[in-house]
Amino acid sequence: MALVLVPVLLPLLVGLWFWSRPLLSGTWRHSPAWFAWSAVLLLLGAGVSYLAGSLAGASLDPEEACHGAGQTYDRAYRRAHFAEYTRWFPLHDRCHAGYDLVPAWVNPALVALPVLALLCLARAARLGVGRRRGGRRGAS
């Protein structure tokens, strides 16, 4: 099991180390690349969040997944709300009206992470344009 996690954890740790160096030194405020990479990491986090939500209770038998979570399975409720399970957003996989197999943090993360990524990209673009304009003025 540990050998399986190494190909995933090693690049993640190396990426976090490179990402955190400007953060610790304070140079991140003026680095368009730091904001661009932050946007990439935020979008990857959104993808992982979507995957976690879509695979919640990832059993071919939803009744089995509900029983595995210690909940009763309401077949009539699932039939009446079938459209909920086929939508891309918000993610739901309800056993009954009061319990959802999709963790509560998934849908807010699917909104917040792309918004933060967009803000990071906007900041990176603003810093990049400011740096380019500043460089042209200095050359004249």
N, C-alpha and C. Protein backbone atom coordinates (compact mmCIF):
# COMPACT_ATOMS: atom_id res chain seq x y z
N MET A 1 0.82 -1.20 0.00
CA MET A 1 0.00 0.00 0.00
C MET A 1 0.86 1.26 0.00
N ALA A 2 1.92 1.26 0.82
CA ALA A 2 2.79 2.44 0.91
C ALA A 2 3.50 2.69 -0.42
N LEU A 3 3.88 1.63 -1.13
CA LEU A 3 4.56 1.80 -2.41
C LEU A 3 3.62 2.37 -3.47
N VAL A 4 2.34 2.13 -3.32
CA VAL A 4 1.37 2.67 -4.27
C VAL A 4 1.22 4.18 -4.06
N LEU A 5 1.31 4.65 -2.84
CA LEU A 5 1.13 6.07 -2.54
C LEU A 5 2.34 6.92 -2.90
N VAL A 6 3.53 6.32 -3.01
CA VAL A 6 4.75 7.08 -3.29
C VAL A 6 4.66 7.85 -4.60
N PRO A 7 4.19 7.26 -5.72
CA PRO A 7 4.11 8.03 -6.96
C PRO A 7 3.12 9.20 -6.88
N VAL A 8 2.19 9.15 -5.96
CA VAL A 8 1.24 10.24 -5.81
C VAL A 8 1.76 11.27 -4.82
N LEU A 9 2.26 10.83 -3.69
CA LEU A 9 2.67 11.74 -2.63
C LEU A 9 3.98 12.47 -2.94
N LEU A 10 4.92 11.81 -3.58
CA LEU A 10 6.20 12.44 -3.86
C LEU A 10 6.07 13.68 -4.75
N PRO A 11 5.38 13.60 -5.91
CA PRO A 11 5.20 14.82 -6.70
C PRO A 11 4.39 15.89 -5.96
N LEU A 12 3.43 15.46 -5.17
CA LEU A 12 2.63 16.41 -4.39
C LEU A 12 3.50 17.16 -3.39
N LEU A 13 4.35 16.45 -2.68
CA LEU A 13 5.24 17.09 -1.71
C LEU A 13 6.25 18.00 -2.38
N VAL A 14 6.81 17.57 -3.50
CA VAL A 14 7.77 18.40 -4.23
C VAL A 14 7.07 19.66 -4.74
N GLY A 15 5.86 19.50 -5.28
CA GLY A 15 5.10 20.66 -5.76
C GLY A 15 4.76 21.63 -4.63
N LEU A 16 4.37 21.10 -3.49
CA LEU A 16 4.07 21.96 -2.35
C LEU A 16 5.32 22.67 -1.84
N TRP A 17 6.47 21.99 -1.92
CA TRP A 17 7.71 22.62 -1.49
C TRP A 17 8.05 23.80 -2.40
N PHE A 18 7.96 23.60 -3.72
CA PHE A 18 8.24 24.69 -4.66
C PHE A 18 7.21 25.81 -4.52
N TRP A 19 5.96 25.46 -4.25
CA TRP A 19 4.90 26.46 -4.10
C TRP A 19 5.07 27.25 -2.81
N SER A 20 5.53 26.60 -1.74
CA SER A 20 5.61 27.27 -0.44
C SER A 20 6.87 28.12 -0.28
N ARG A 21 7.91 27.89 -1.06
CA ARG A 21 9.14 28.69 -0.93
C ARG A 21 8.88 30.18 -1.12
N PRO A 22 8.20 30.63 -2.19
CA PRO A 22 7.90 32.06 -2.31
C PRO A 22 6.93 32.53 -1.22
N LEU A 23 6.08 31.63 -0.77
CA LEU A 23 5.13 31.99 0.28
C LEU A 23 5.87 32.31 1.57
N LEU A 24 6.86 31.51 1.91
CA LEU A 24 7.62 31.73 3.14
C LEU A 24 8.56 32.92 3.03
N SER A 25 9.09 33.18 1.84
CA SER A 25 10.03 34.29 1.68
C SER A 25 9.33 35.62 1.43
N GLY A 26 8.05 35.60 1.09
CA GLY A 26 7.31 36.83 0.86
C GLY A 26 7.36 37.33 -0.57
N THR A 27 8.01 36.59 -1.46
CA THR A 27 8.12 37.04 -2.86
C THR A 27 6.87 36.70 -3.68
N TRP A 28 5.94 35.97 -3.11
CA TRP A 28 4.74 35.55 -3.84
C TRP A 28 3.89 36.75 -4.25
N ARG A 29 3.94 37.82 -3.51
CA ARG A 29 3.08 38.97 -3.79
C ARG A 29 3.35 39.59 -5.16
N HIS A 30 4.55 39.42 -5.66
CA HIS A 30 4.96 40.06 -6.91
C HIS A 30 5.28 39.04 -8.00
N SER A 31 4.85 37.80 -7.82
CA SER A 31 5.20 36.75 -8.77
C SER A 31 3.97 36.27 -9.54
N PRO A 32 3.87 36.62 -10.83
CA PRO A 32 2.74 36.10 -11.62
C PRO A 32 2.77 34.57 -11.72
N ALA A 33 3.96 34.00 -11.76
CA ALA A 33 4.06 32.54 -11.86
C ALA A 33 3.49 31.86 -10.63
N TRP A 34 3.71 32.43 -9.45
CA TRP A 34 3.18 31.84 -8.22
C TRP A 34 1.65 31.82 -8.26
N PHE A 35 1.05 32.91 -8.74
CA PHE A 35 -0.41 32.96 -8.83
C PHE A 35 -0.93 32.00 -9.90
N ALA A 36 -0.21 31.87 -10.99
CA ALA A 36 -0.64 30.94 -12.04
C ALA A 36 -0.57 29.50 -11.54
N TRP A 37 0.51 29.13 -10.87
CA TRP A 37 0.62 27.78 -10.33
C TRP A 37 -0.39 27.55 -9.22
N SER A 38 -0.69 28.57 -8.45
CA SER A 38 -1.73 28.43 -7.43
C SER A 38 -3.08 28.13 -8.08
N ALA A 39 -3.36 28.79 -9.20
CA ALA A 39 -4.60 28.53 -9.93
C ALA A 39 -4.64 27.09 -10.42
N VAL A 40 -3.51 26.59 -10.91
CA VAL A 40 -3.45 25.20 -11.38
C VAL A 40 -3.71 24.26 -10.21
N LEU A 41 -3.08 24.51 -9.06
CA LEU A 41 -3.29 23.65 -7.89
C LEU A 41 -4.74 23.72 -7.42
N LEU A 42 -5.35 24.89 -7.46
CA LEU A 42 -6.75 25.02 -7.05
C LEU A 42 -7.67 24.26 -8.00
N LEU A 43 -7.39 24.32 -9.28
CA LEU A 43 -8.21 23.57 -10.24
C LEU A 43 -8.02 22.07 -10.08
N LEU A 44 -6.80 21.64 -9.78
CA LEU A 44 -6.58 20.22 -9.48
C LEU A 44 -7.35 19.81 -8.24
N GLY A 45 -7.37 20.68 -7.24
CA GLY A 45 -8.14 20.40 -6.04
C GLY A 45 -9.63 20.30 -6.33
N ALA A 46 -10.12 21.13 -7.24
CA ALA A 46 -11.53 21.05 -7.63
C ALA A 46 -11.81 19.73 -8.35
N GLY A 47 -10.88 19.30 -9.18
CA GLY A 47 -11.04 18.01 -9.86
C GLY A 47 -11.06 16.85 -8.89
N VAL A 48 -10.17 16.89 -7.91
CA VAL A 48 -10.14 15.83 -6.90
C VAL A 48 -11.42 15.86 -6.06
N SER A 49 -11.91 17.06 -5.76
CA SER A 49 -13.16 17.19 -5.00
C SER A 49 -14.33 16.62 -5.79
N TYR A 50 -14.36 16.91 -7.09
CA TYR A 50 -15.44 16.36 -7.92
C TYR A 50 -15.36 14.84 -7.96
N LEU A 51 -14.16 14.33 -8.09
CA LEU A 51 -13.98 12.88 -8.11
C LEU A 51 -14.42 12.26 -6.79
N ALA A 52 -14.05 12.89 -5.68
CA ALA A 52 -14.46 12.38 -4.36
C ALA A 52 -15.97 12.39 -4.22
N GLY A 53 -16.62 13.43 -4.73
CA GLY A 53 -18.06 13.50 -4.64
C GLY A 53 -18.77 12.53 -5.56
N SER A 54 -18.25 12.38 -6.77
CA SER A 54 -18.91 11.49 -7.72
C SER A 54 -18.69 10.02 -7.38
N LEU A 55 -17.63 9.73 -6.66
CA LEU A 55 -17.38 8.35 -6.26
C LEU A 55 -17.83 8.05 -4.83
N ALA A 56 -18.51 8.99 -4.20
CA ALA A 56 -19.01 8.74 -2.85
C ALA A 56 -20.02 7.61 -2.90
N GLY A 57 -19.82 6.64 -2.07
CA GLY A 57 -20.69 5.48 -2.09
C GLY A 57 -20.56 4.72 -3.40
N ALA A 58 -19.34 4.66 -3.91
CA ALA A 58 -19.09 4.11 -5.25
C ALA A 58 -19.31 2.61 -5.28
N SER A 59 -20.53 2.26 -5.21
CA SER A 59 -20.92 0.86 -5.32
C SER A 59 -21.87 0.77 -6.50
N LEU A 60 -21.86 -0.35 -7.17
CA LEU A 60 -22.81 -0.52 -8.26
C LEU A 60 -24.22 -0.63 -7.73
N ASP A 61 -24.34 -0.97 -6.47
CA ASP A 61 -25.64 -1.10 -5.83
C ASP A 61 -25.80 0.01 -4.80
N PRO A 62 -26.63 1.04 -5.09
CA PRO A 62 -26.78 2.13 -4.13
C PRO A 62 -27.37 1.68 -2.80
N GLU A 63 -28.19 0.65 -2.83
CA GLU A 63 -28.75 0.13 -1.58
C GLU A 63 -27.65 -0.42 -0.69
N GLU A 64 -26.69 -1.09 -1.29
CA GLU A 64 -25.55 -1.63 -0.54
C GLU A 64 -24.69 -0.50 0.04
N ALA A 65 -24.50 0.56 -0.75
CA ALA A 65 -23.70 1.70 -0.28
C ALA A 65 -24.39 2.38 0.90
N CYS A 66 -25.71 2.51 0.85
CA CYS A 66 -26.44 3.13 1.96
C CYS A 66 -26.36 2.27 3.21
N HIS A 67 -26.52 0.98 3.05
CA HIS A 67 -26.42 0.10 4.21
C HIS A 67 -25.00 0.08 4.76
N GLY A 68 -24.02 0.21 3.88
CA GLY A 68 -22.63 0.29 4.32
C GLY A 68 -22.35 1.55 5.12
N ALA A 69 -23.11 2.61 4.84
CA ALA A 69 -22.96 3.87 5.59
C ALA A 69 -23.84 3.87 6.85
N GLY A 70 -24.56 2.78 7.08
CA GLY A 70 -25.41 2.69 8.27
C GLY A 70 -26.73 3.41 8.11
N GLN A 71 -27.20 3.57 6.89
CA GLN A 71 -28.45 4.27 6.62
C GLN A 71 -29.45 3.35 5.93
N THR A 72 -30.71 3.68 6.09
CA THR A 72 -31.75 2.93 5.40
C THR A 72 -31.84 3.42 3.96
N TYR A 73 -32.28 2.56 3.10
CA TYR A 73 -32.40 2.87 1.69
C TYR A 73 -33.87 3.05 1.36
N ASP A 74 -34.24 4.22 0.83
CA ASP A 74 -35.61 4.52 0.47
C ASP A 74 -35.74 4.49 -1.05
N ARG A 75 -36.19 3.37 -1.55
CA ARG A 75 -36.28 3.17 -3.01
C ARG A 75 -37.28 4.14 -3.64
N ALA A 76 -38.39 4.41 -2.98
CA ALA A 76 -39.40 5.32 -3.51
C ALA A 76 -38.84 6.75 -3.60
N TYR A 77 -38.08 7.16 -2.60
CA TYR A 77 -37.48 8.50 -2.63
C TYR A 77 -36.49 8.62 -3.79
N ARG A 78 -35.68 7.60 -3.99
CA ARG A 78 -34.69 7.64 -5.07
C ARG A 78 -35.37 7.66 -6.44
N ARG A 79 -36.45 6.93 -6.59
CA ARG A 79 -37.18 6.95 -7.87
C ARG A 79 -37.80 8.32 -8.12
N ALA A 80 -38.35 8.92 -7.07
CA ALA A 80 -39.01 10.22 -7.21
C ALA A 80 -38.02 11.34 -7.51
N HIS A 81 -36.78 11.18 -7.08
CA HIS A 81 -35.76 12.23 -7.26
C HIS A 81 -34.62 11.74 -8.15
N PHE A 82 -34.95 10.99 -9.17
CA PHE A 82 -33.93 10.41 -10.05
C PHE A 82 -33.08 11.47 -10.72
N ALA A 83 -33.65 12.62 -11.06
CA ALA A 83 -32.90 13.68 -11.75
C ALA A 83 -31.75 14.20 -10.91
N GLU A 84 -31.85 14.10 -9.59
CA GLU A 84 -30.77 14.56 -8.71
C GLU A 84 -29.47 13.81 -8.94
N TYR A 85 -29.57 12.55 -9.28
CA TYR A 85 -28.37 11.71 -9.40
C TYR A 85 -27.70 11.80 -10.75
N THR A 86 -28.41 12.38 -11.71
CA THR A 86 -27.85 12.45 -13.06
C THR A 86 -27.28 13.82 -13.39
N ARG A 87 -27.42 14.79 -12.48
CA ARG A 87 -26.88 16.13 -12.72
C ARG A 87 -25.38 16.17 -12.45
N TRP A 88 -24.70 17.08 -13.14
CA TRP A 88 -23.27 17.26 -12.94
C TRP A 88 -23.00 18.08 -11.69
N PHE A 89 -23.92 19.01 -11.38
CA PHE A 89 -23.76 19.85 -10.20
C PHE A 89 -25.12 20.32 -9.76
N PRO A 90 -25.39 20.37 -8.49
CA PRO A 90 -24.63 19.87 -7.35
C PRO A 90 -24.70 18.35 -7.27
N LEU A 91 -23.67 17.78 -6.72
CA LEU A 91 -23.58 16.33 -6.60
C LEU A 91 -24.42 15.85 -5.41
N HIS A 92 -25.23 14.83 -5.66
CA HIS A 92 -26.01 14.21 -4.60
C HIS A 92 -26.10 12.71 -4.86
N ASP A 93 -26.12 11.96 -3.81
CA ASP A 93 -26.37 10.52 -3.87
C ASP A 93 -27.08 10.17 -2.57
N ARG A 94 -28.36 10.47 -2.52
CA ARG A 94 -29.12 10.34 -1.28
C ARG A 94 -29.64 8.93 -1.08
N CYS A 95 -29.55 8.49 0.17
CA CYS A 95 -30.16 7.22 0.57
C CYS A 95 -31.64 7.44 0.86
N HIS A 96 -31.93 8.56 1.49
CA HIS A 96 -33.29 8.99 1.81
C HIS A 96 -33.24 10.50 1.97
N ALA A 97 -34.34 11.11 2.32
CA ALA A 97 -34.41 12.58 2.36
C ALA A 97 -33.43 13.19 3.34
N GLY A 98 -33.02 12.47 4.36
CA GLY A 98 -32.17 13.06 5.39
C GLY A 98 -30.69 12.70 5.32
N TYR A 99 -30.27 11.90 4.34
CA TYR A 99 -28.86 11.49 4.32
C TYR A 99 -28.33 11.44 2.89
N ASP A 100 -27.21 12.09 2.68
CA ASP A 100 -26.55 12.13 1.38
C ASP A 100 -25.20 11.45 1.51
N LEU A 101 -24.89 10.55 0.59
CA LEU A 101 -23.59 9.87 0.61
C LEU A 101 -22.45 10.82 0.21
N VAL A 102 -22.77 11.86 -0.55
CA VAL A 102 -21.76 12.84 -0.96
C VAL A 102 -21.44 13.71 0.26
N PRO A 103 -20.15 13.82 0.64
CA PRO A 103 -19.80 14.64 1.81
C PRO A 103 -20.25 16.09 1.64
N ALA A 104 -20.56 16.73 2.75
CA ALA A 104 -21.11 18.08 2.74
C ALA A 104 -20.12 19.11 2.20
N TRP A 105 -18.83 18.86 2.25
CA TRP A 105 -17.83 19.83 1.82
C TRP A 105 -17.64 19.85 0.29
N VAL A 106 -18.12 18.84 -0.41
CA VAL A 106 -17.81 18.71 -1.83
C VAL A 106 -18.42 19.83 -2.66
N ASN A 107 -19.72 20.08 -2.54
CA ASN A 107 -20.36 21.09 -3.39
C ASN A 107 -19.84 22.50 -3.12
N PRO A 108 -19.65 22.92 -1.85
CA PRO A 108 -19.03 24.24 -1.65
C PRO A 108 -17.61 24.33 -2.22
N ALA A 109 -16.86 23.24 -2.12
CA ALA A 109 -15.50 23.25 -2.68
C ALA A 109 -15.54 23.37 -4.20
N LEU A 110 -16.55 22.79 -4.83
CA LEU A 110 -16.67 22.86 -6.28
C LEU A 110 -17.03 24.27 -6.76
N VAL A 111 -17.48 25.11 -5.87
CA VAL A 111 -17.73 26.51 -6.21
C VAL A 111 -16.52 27.36 -5.83
N ALA A 112 -16.03 27.18 -4.61
CA ALA A 112 -14.97 28.05 -4.08
C ALA A 112 -13.64 27.87 -4.80
N LEU A 113 -13.23 26.65 -5.07
CA LEU A 113 -11.90 26.42 -5.66
C LEU A 113 -11.77 27.02 -7.06
N PRO A 114 -12.73 26.84 -7.98
CA PRO A 114 -12.59 27.50 -9.28
C PRO A 114 -12.66 29.03 -9.19
N VAL A 115 -13.46 29.55 -8.26
CA VAL A 115 -13.52 31.01 -8.09
C VAL A 115 -12.17 31.53 -7.63
N LEU A 116 -11.56 30.85 -6.66
CA LEU A 116 -10.22 31.25 -6.20
C LEU A 116 -9.18 31.11 -7.31
N ALA A 117 -9.31 30.07 -8.12
CA ALA A 117 -8.39 29.90 -9.26
C ALA A 117 -8.55 31.05 -10.25
N LEU A 118 -9.77 31.46 -10.51
CA LEU A 118 -10.01 32.59 -11.41
C LEU A 118 -9.41 33.88 -10.86
N LEU A 119 -9.56 34.08 -9.55
CA LEU A 119 -8.95 35.26 -8.92
C LEU A 119 -7.43 35.21 -9.02
N CYS A 120 -6.85 34.04 -8.83
CA CYS A 120 -5.40 33.90 -8.96
C CYS A 120 -4.94 34.17 -10.38
N LEU A 121 -5.68 33.69 -11.36
CA LEU A 121 -5.32 33.95 -12.76
C LEU A 121 -5.44 35.44 -13.09
N ALA A 122 -6.47 36.08 -12.55
CA ALA A 122 -6.62 37.52 -12.78
C ALA A 122 -5.45 38.29 -12.16
N ARG A 123 -5.05 37.90 -10.97
CA ARG A 123 -3.91 38.55 -10.31
C ARG A 123 -2.62 38.29 -11.09
N ALA A 124 -2.44 37.07 -11.58
CA ALA A 124 -1.25 36.76 -12.36
C ALA A 124 -1.21 37.60 -13.64
N ALA A 125 -2.35 37.74 -14.29
CA ALA A 125 -2.41 38.56 -15.51
C ALA A 125 -2.11 40.02 -15.20
N ARG A 126 -2.67 40.51 -14.11
CA ARG A 126 -2.43 41.91 -13.74
C ARG A 126 -0.95 42.14 -13.41
N LEU A 127 -0.34 41.22 -12.68
CA LEU A 127 1.08 41.36 -12.36
C LEU A 127 1.93 41.24 -13.63
N GLY A 128 1.55 40.32 -14.51
CA GLY A 128 2.31 40.15 -15.75
C GLY A 128 2.24 41.37 -16.65
N VAL A 129 1.06 41.95 -16.77
CA VAL A 129 0.90 43.16 -17.59
C VAL A 129 1.64 44.33 -16.95
N GLY A 130 1.54 44.44 -15.63
CA GLY A 130 2.26 45.52 -14.93
C GLY A 130 3.76 45.38 -15.07
N ARG A 131 4.25 44.17 -15.02
CA ARG A 131 5.69 43.93 -15.17
C ARG A 131 6.14 44.25 -16.59
N ARG A 132 5.32 43.88 -17.57
CA ARG A 132 5.67 44.14 -18.97
C ARG A 132 5.66 45.63 -19.26
N ARG A 133 4.66 46.35 -18.75
CA ARG A 133 4.60 47.80 -18.96
C ARG A 133 5.75 48.50 -18.25
N GLY A 134 6.07 48.04 -17.05
CA GLY A 134 7.19 48.63 -16.30
C GLY A 134 8.50 48.41 -17.00
N GLY A 135 8.68 47.25 -17.64
CA GLY A 135 9.91 46.94 -18.36
C GLY A 135 10.07 47.81 -19.60
N ARG A 136 8.97 48.14 -20.29
CA ARG A 136 9.04 48.97 -21.50
C ARG A 136 9.35 50.41 -21.14
N ARG A 137 8.80 50.89 -20.04
CA ARG A 137 9.09 52.26 -19.64
C ARG A 137 10.56 52.43 -19.28
N GLY A 138 11.10 51.41 -18.60
CA GLY A 138 12.50 51.48 -18.19
C GLY A 138 13.45 51.43 -19.38
N ALA A 139 13.05 50.79 -20.47
CA ALA A 139 13.91 50.66 -21.64
C ALA A 139 13.93 51.94 -22.47
N SER A 140 12.90 52.77 -22.39
CA SER A 140 12.81 53.96 -23.22
C SER A 140 13.74 55.05 -22.76
